Amino acid sequence: MNTLLVIIIGFLPSLFSLWLMRKTQARTRSQFRRAAMSSPARRIRQNTISDPSDRYYLEGVGYLIGDISCQFNARSGYLRCAVNPTGPCEGCRYYQPKETVCSENSSSDLPY
């Protein structure tokens, strides 16, 4: 009888912990469900490009939008740049030409 009582007392903390975990999970699920039902249905804005001529295909990269020669261009099919993401690129006051690095060194450029 004493052995059975010791075993029951030994299992009580774990049973209590399991009960609390289940209760917390149920409460969390209920809160998520309420939040989902109470928030207005927001329509996700589709990425529509107003000017189809602004979109072009670059081999090996895919479709890009915006002016690729700009330093701030995101090189993405969804976002033009970090500074002016919705565009247009023509006449953008933030335009800065991308600096190009020449991979060929002439003999006069060598230090020795």
Protein backbone atom coordinates (compact mmCIF):
# COMPACT_ATOMS: atom_id res chain seq x y z
CA MET A 1 0.00 0.00 0.00
CA ASN A 2 2.82 2.40 0.87
CA THR A 3 4.55 1.58 -2.42
CA LEU A 4 1.42 2.40 -4.41
CA LEU A 5 1.06 5.71 -2.54
CA VAL A 6 4.70 6.65 -3.29
CA ILE A 7 4.22 5.84 -7.00
CA ILE A 8 1.03 7.93 -7.18
CA ILE A 9 2.70 10.87 -5.42
CA GLY A 10 5.68 10.54 -7.80
CA PHE A 11 3.45 10.83 -10.87
CA LEU A 12 1.41 13.80 -9.62
CA PRO A 13 3.86 16.58 -10.67
CA SER A 14 4.20 15.23 -14.21
CA LEU A 15 0.43 14.77 -14.55
CA PHE A 16 -0.15 18.31 -13.28
CA SER A 17 2.45 19.65 -15.76
CA LEU A 18 0.82 17.75 -18.64
CA TRP A 19 -2.60 19.13 -17.69
CA LEU A 20 -1.22 22.72 -17.61
CA MET A 21 0.47 22.31 -21.01
CA ARG A 22 -2.73 21.05 -22.63
CA LYS A 23 -4.74 23.87 -21.09
CA THR A 24 -2.23 26.48 -22.32
CA GLN A 25 -2.19 25.03 -25.83
CA ALA A 26 -5.99 25.09 -25.99
CA ARG A 27 -6.05 28.71 -24.80
CA THR A 28 -3.43 29.72 -27.37
CA ARG A 29 -5.33 27.98 -30.18
CA SER A 30 -8.49 29.75 -29.09
CA GLN A 31 -6.75 33.15 -29.07
CA PHE A 32 -5.32 32.57 -32.56
CA ARG A 33 -8.72 31.54 -33.85
CA ARG A 34 -10.36 34.65 -32.33
CA ALA A 35 -7.65 36.92 -33.77
CA ALA A 36 -8.04 35.37 -37.22
CA MET A 37 -11.81 35.74 -37.15
CA SER A 38 -11.83 39.30 -35.80
CA SER A 39 -9.27 40.79 -38.17
CA PRO A 40 -10.68 42.17 -41.38
CA ALA A 41 -10.00 40.15 -44.46
CA ARG A 42 -7.17 42.00 -46.09
CA ARG A 43 -6.66 41.55 -49.74
CA ILE A 44 -3.06 40.91 -50.59
CA ARG A 45 -1.91 43.40 -53.13
CA GLN A 46 -0.80 41.68 -56.27
CA ASN A 47 2.45 42.83 -57.74
CA THR A 48 1.18 44.54 -60.83
CA ILE A 49 3.60 46.40 -62.97
CA SER A 50 1.97 49.46 -64.49
CA ASP A 51 4.53 49.81 -67.25
CA PRO A 52 5.28 46.46 -68.95
CA SER A 53 8.19 48.04 -70.82
CA ASP A 54 9.92 48.42 -67.45
CA ARG A 55 10.15 44.63 -67.16
CA TYR A 56 12.81 42.71 -69.04
CA TYR A 57 14.44 39.29 -69.04
CA LEU A 58 18.12 38.86 -68.20
CA GLU A 59 19.67 35.52 -69.13
CA GLY A 60 20.71 33.54 -66.05
CA VAL A 61 18.87 35.89 -63.66
CA GLY A 62 15.26 36.00 -64.84
CA TYR A 63 12.77 38.85 -65.12
CA LEU A 64 13.88 42.16 -63.64
CA ILE A 65 12.19 45.53 -63.33
CA GLY A 66 13.72 48.96 -63.13
CA ASP A 67 16.94 50.44 -64.45
CA ILE A 68 19.71 47.85 -63.99
CA SER A 69 22.39 50.51 -64.44
CA CYS A 70 21.34 52.17 -61.15
CA GLN A 71 23.33 51.40 -58.01
CA PHE A 72 20.14 51.02 -55.94
CA ASN A 73 18.38 48.58 -58.31
CA ALA A 74 17.20 45.50 -56.38
CA ARG A 75 17.79 43.17 -59.35
CA SER A 76 14.42 41.60 -58.65
CA GLY A 77 11.25 40.92 -60.58
CA TYR A 78 9.15 42.27 -57.72
CA LEU A 79 10.99 45.32 -56.37
CA ARG A 80 12.69 48.08 -58.33
CA CYS A 81 15.01 49.49 -55.70
CA ALA A 82 15.39 50.19 -52.02
CA VAL A 83 15.01 53.95 -52.39
CA ASN A 84 12.09 54.15 -54.83
CA PRO A 85 10.46 50.67 -54.86
CA THR A 86 7.30 51.64 -56.75
CA GLY A 87 9.13 53.65 -59.42
CA PRO A 88 9.22 55.02 -61.98
CA CYS A 89 12.92 54.94 -62.72
CA GLU A 90 12.78 57.69 -65.34
CA GLY A 91 13.74 60.97 -63.74
CA CYS A 92 14.34 59.44 -60.28
CA ARG A 93 16.26 61.89 -58.12
CA TYR A 94 18.07 59.05 -56.32
CA TYR A 95 19.59 57.57 -59.48
CA GLN A 96 23.29 56.85 -59.18
CA PRO A 97 25.11 55.00 -61.93
CA LYS A 98 26.62 51.72 -60.86
CA GLU A 99 30.41 51.74 -60.69
CA THR A 100 31.91 49.12 -62.94
CA VAL A 101 35.11 47.31 -62.11
CA CYS A 102 37.34 46.46 -65.02
CA SER A 103 38.61 42.89 -64.79
CA GLU A 104 41.46 43.39 -67.27
CA ASN A 105 44.61 45.07 -66.04
CA SER A 106 46.84 46.76 -68.53
CA SER A 107 50.60 46.54 -68.16
CA SER A 108 50.77 50.21 -67.15
CA ASP A 109 48.49 49.56 -64.12
CA LEU A 110 50.81 46.99 -62.56
CA PRO A 111 52.81 48.27 -59.53
CA TYR A 112 56.13 46.64 -60.53
